[in-house]
Amino acid sequence: MPTYEYECAKCKHRFEKFQSINDAPVKTCPKCKGRKVKRLISSGAGIIFKGSGFYGTDYRSESYKKDAKKDAEASSSSEKTKTDKKKETKKSKPKSKETKSKD
């Protein structure tokens, strides 16, 4: 349930009320009993999740984790093979520079 912030138009008293979304807005000021209370737009409160269990990966099954590990290993080994092939092609190309000699 959200916390709503209110302000009295008569005495300028600001207060918060913890209430359901379906509840009617507060109409009277708790301090001066004035009948002109207005709900304010507020930024709300930040939520901090602590502990485990808040990430999608926390609930993965063991079989999913094993398959993901195999996929990661396969992709890293294929990347390594690609890099090795690039190195080989660079090494196998002979560098030839012909220089013309003047007679």
Protein backbone atom coordinates (compact mmCIF):
# COMPACT_ATOMS: atom_id res chain seq x y z
CA MET A 1 0.00 0.00 0.00
CA PRO A 2 1.32 3.43 -0.88
CA THR A 3 1.99 6.36 1.39
CA TYR A 4 0.25 9.55 0.27
CA GLU A 5 1.37 13.04 1.15
CA TYR A 6 -1.21 15.73 2.00
CA GLU A 7 -1.18 19.44 2.75
CA CYS A 8 -3.81 21.51 4.54
CA ALA A 9 -4.74 24.69 2.65
CA LYS A 10 -5.73 26.45 5.90
CA CYS A 11 -2.72 25.86 8.20
CA LYS A 12 -0.18 24.53 5.61
CA HIS A 13 0.39 21.42 7.73
CA ARG A 14 1.94 18.61 5.69
CA PHE A 15 1.38 15.00 6.65
CA GLU A 16 1.55 11.50 5.23
CA LYS A 17 -1.11 8.83 5.25
CA PHE A 18 -0.52 5.14 4.60
CA GLN A 19 -3.62 3.96 2.76
CA SER A 20 -4.87 1.67 0.00
CA ILE A 21 -5.17 2.88 -3.57
CA ASN A 22 -8.93 2.29 -3.35
CA ASP A 23 -9.37 4.42 -0.21
CA ALA A 24 -10.91 7.87 -0.55
CA PRO A 25 -8.50 10.80 -0.11
CA VAL A 26 -8.26 12.43 3.32
CA LYS A 27 -10.61 15.42 3.62
CA THR A 28 -9.80 16.88 7.04
CA CYS A 29 -6.53 18.10 8.52
CA PRO A 30 -5.48 16.19 11.66
CA LYS A 31 -3.94 19.36 13.16
CA CYS A 32 -6.53 22.14 12.65
CA LYS A 33 -9.49 20.01 11.49
CA GLY A 34 -9.72 22.20 8.37
CA ARG A 35 -11.71 20.75 5.48
CA LYS A 36 -9.41 21.83 2.63
CA VAL A 37 -6.79 19.10 2.37
CA LYS A 38 -5.07 18.43 -0.90
CA ARG A 39 -3.17 15.30 -1.96
CA LEU A 40 0.31 16.18 -3.20
CA ILE A 41 2.28 14.57 -5.95
CA SER A 42 5.36 13.05 -4.41
CA SER A 43 8.30 11.07 -5.65
CA GLY A 44 7.52 8.11 -3.45
CA ALA A 45 10.02 5.99 -1.62
CA GLY A 46 12.92 4.05 -3.03
CA ILE A 47 12.80 0.30 -2.69
CA ILE A 48 15.90 -1.60 -1.68
CA PHE A 49 15.97 -5.36 -2.12
CA LYS A 50 18.44 -7.11 0.14
CA GLY A 51 19.45 -10.72 0.18
CA SER A 52 19.25 -13.44 -2.44
CA GLY A 53 16.25 -14.31 -4.54
CA PHE A 54 15.75 -11.07 -6.44
CA TYR A 55 17.37 -12.01 -9.74
CA GLY A 56 16.01 -14.30 -12.45
CA THR A 57 19.24 -16.28 -12.36
CA ASP A 58 18.74 -17.16 -8.69
CA TYR A 59 15.90 -19.50 -9.60
CA ARG A 60 17.53 -21.36 -12.48
CA SER A 61 17.40 -25.14 -12.38
CA GLU A 62 20.58 -27.18 -12.21
CA SER A 63 20.03 -28.56 -15.73
CA TYR A 64 19.72 -25.02 -17.10
CA LYS A 65 22.95 -23.99 -15.37
CA LYS A 66 24.79 -27.02 -16.81
CA ASP A 67 23.54 -26.30 -20.34
CA ALA A 68 24.47 -22.63 -20.05
CA LYS A 69 27.97 -23.57 -18.90
CA LYS A 70 28.40 -25.95 -21.87
CA ASP A 71 27.22 -23.23 -24.29
CA ALA A 72 29.63 -20.72 -22.78
CA GLU A 73 32.55 -23.14 -23.05
CA ALA A 74 31.66 -24.03 -26.65
CA SER A 75 31.40 -20.41 -27.72
CA SER A 76 34.67 -19.46 -26.01
CA SER A 77 36.51 -22.38 -27.68
CA SER A 78 35.08 -21.48 -31.11
CA GLU A 79 36.20 -17.87 -30.59
CA LYS A 80 39.65 -19.12 -29.67
CA THR A 81 39.77 -21.23 -32.86
CA LYS A 82 38.79 -18.23 -34.97
CA THR A 83 41.57 -16.12 -33.42
CA ASP A 84 44.12 -18.90 -33.95
CA LYS A 85 43.12 -19.17 -37.63
CA LYS A 86 43.52 -15.42 -38.10
CA LYS A 87 47.00 -15.56 -36.56
CA GLU A 88 47.97 -18.46 -38.84
CA THR A 89 46.83 -16.68 -42.00
CA LYS A 90 48.78 -13.59 -41.02
CA LYS A 91 51.93 -15.66 -40.41
CA SER A 92 51.64 -17.71 -43.60
CA LYS A 93 51.44 -14.71 -45.92
CA PRO A 94 54.97 -13.96 -47.14
CA LYS A 95 56.00 -10.36 -47.15
CA SER A 96 57.60 -9.74 -50.50
CA LYS A 97 58.99 -6.41 -51.53
CA GLU A 98 60.81 -6.38 -54.80
CA THR A 99 63.37 -3.69 -55.17
CA LYS A 100 64.61 -2.79 -58.56
CA SER A 101 68.30 -2.33 -58.82
CA LYS A 102 69.84 0.24 -61.11
CA ASP A 103 72.61 -1.03 -63.39
